[in-house]
């Protein structure tokens, strides 16, 4: 879960560090439910990405890996 207040400057540093060779991503989209549409690229082991946004709505939001087709559905259900 990601908890934000209005005006928070959110900075997420993502690192692909799993032992599995598959790629993963980070999604905080408007279906989670969330007013945000924040997504990373698909990260392989050793890759990094920094995501930044300023929170315009407060709340606690779910995030998940959306790599499709099958894994995205499983990851979303697991939270």
Protein backbone atom coordinates (compact mmCIF):
# COMPACT_ATOMS: atom_id res chain seq x y z
CA UNK A 1 0.00 0.00 0.00
CA UNK A 2 1.10 3.54 -0.73
CA UNK A 3 -0.16 6.21 1.68
CA UNK A 4 -0.08 9.84 0.51
CA UNK A 5 -1.34 13.23 1.65
CA UNK A 6 -2.20 16.12 -0.66
CA UNK A 7 1.01 17.89 -1.64
CA UNK A 8 3.33 14.97 -0.83
CA UNK A 9 6.21 14.72 -3.26
CA UNK A 10 6.40 11.01 -3.95
CA UNK A 11 9.64 9.48 -5.18
CA UNK A 12 9.77 5.74 -5.79
CA UNK A 13 13.04 4.05 -6.66
CA UNK A 14 12.37 0.68 -8.25
CA UNK A 15 14.98 -2.02 -8.61
CA UNK A 16 14.63 -5.29 -10.48
CA UNK A 17 16.31 -7.52 -7.93
CA UNK A 18 14.50 -10.86 -8.09
CA UNK A 19 16.17 -14.16 -8.73
CA UNK A 20 13.70 -14.90 -11.53
CA UNK A 21 14.75 -13.90 -15.06
CA UNK A 22 11.23 -12.54 -15.78
CA UNK A 23 10.58 -8.79 -15.90
CA UNK A 24 8.29 -6.96 -13.48
CA UNK A 25 6.81 -3.49 -13.30
CA UNK A 26 5.06 -1.16 -10.86
CA UNK A 27 1.52 0.07 -11.47
CA UNK A 28 -0.52 2.52 -9.44
CA UNK A 29 -3.36 3.14 -11.83
CA UNK A 30 -6.90 4.43 -11.76
CA UNK A 31 -8.28 0.88 -11.55
CA UNK A 32 -6.68 0.11 -8.18
CA UNK A 33 -8.79 2.37 -7.37
CA UNK A 34 -6.59 5.42 -7.50
CA UNK A 35 -6.77 8.85 -9.14
CA UNK A 36 -3.22 8.31 -10.36
CA UNK A 37 -1.85 6.62 -13.44
CA UNK A 38 1.75 5.90 -12.45
CA UNK A 39 3.58 3.03 -14.15
CA UNK A 40 7.14 1.94 -14.51
CA UNK A 41 8.80 0.30 -17.46
CA UNK A 42 9.23 -3.47 -17.25
CA UNK A 43 12.36 -3.97 -15.18
CA UNK A 44 14.70 -6.89 -15.60
CA UNK A 45 17.13 -7.99 -12.92
CA UNK A 46 19.60 -5.17 -12.21
CA UNK A 47 17.59 -2.40 -13.89
CA UNK A 48 16.31 0.64 -11.98
CA UNK A 49 13.79 3.42 -12.54
CA UNK A 50 12.75 6.42 -10.45
CA UNK A 51 9.10 7.52 -10.54
CA UNK A 52 8.08 10.93 -9.18
CA UNK A 53 4.76 12.69 -8.75
CA UNK A 54 3.09 15.23 -6.47
CA UNK A 55 0.01 13.86 -4.71
CA UNK A 56 -3.11 15.80 -5.62
CA UNK A 57 -5.46 13.42 -3.76
CA UNK A 58 -4.99 11.87 -0.31
CA UNK A 59 -5.43 8.19 0.44
CA UNK A 60 -4.09 4.69 0.70
CA UNK A 61 -3.59 3.08 -2.70
CA UNK A 62 -2.78 -0.43 -3.85
CA UNK A 63 0.04 -1.10 -6.28
CA UNK A 64 0.94 -4.23 -8.20
CA UNK A 65 2.94 -5.73 -11.04
CA UNK A 66 0.91 -5.60 -14.26
CA UNK A 67 3.10 -7.76 -16.48
CA UNK A 68 0.65 -9.56 -18.76
CA UNK A 69 -1.07 -11.65 -19.69
CA UNK A 70 -1.45 -14.20 -16.87
CA UNK A 71 0.94 -12.78 -14.31
CA UNK A 72 -0.65 -9.34 -14.31
CA UNK A 73 -3.98 -10.81 -13.22
CA UNK A 74 -2.35 -12.94 -10.51
CA UNK A 75 -0.24 -10.07 -9.21
CA UNK A 76 -3.24 -7.72 -9.05
CA UNK A 77 -5.25 -10.25 -7.02
CA UNK A 78 -2.35 -10.69 -4.60
CA UNK A 79 -1.95 -6.92 -4.19
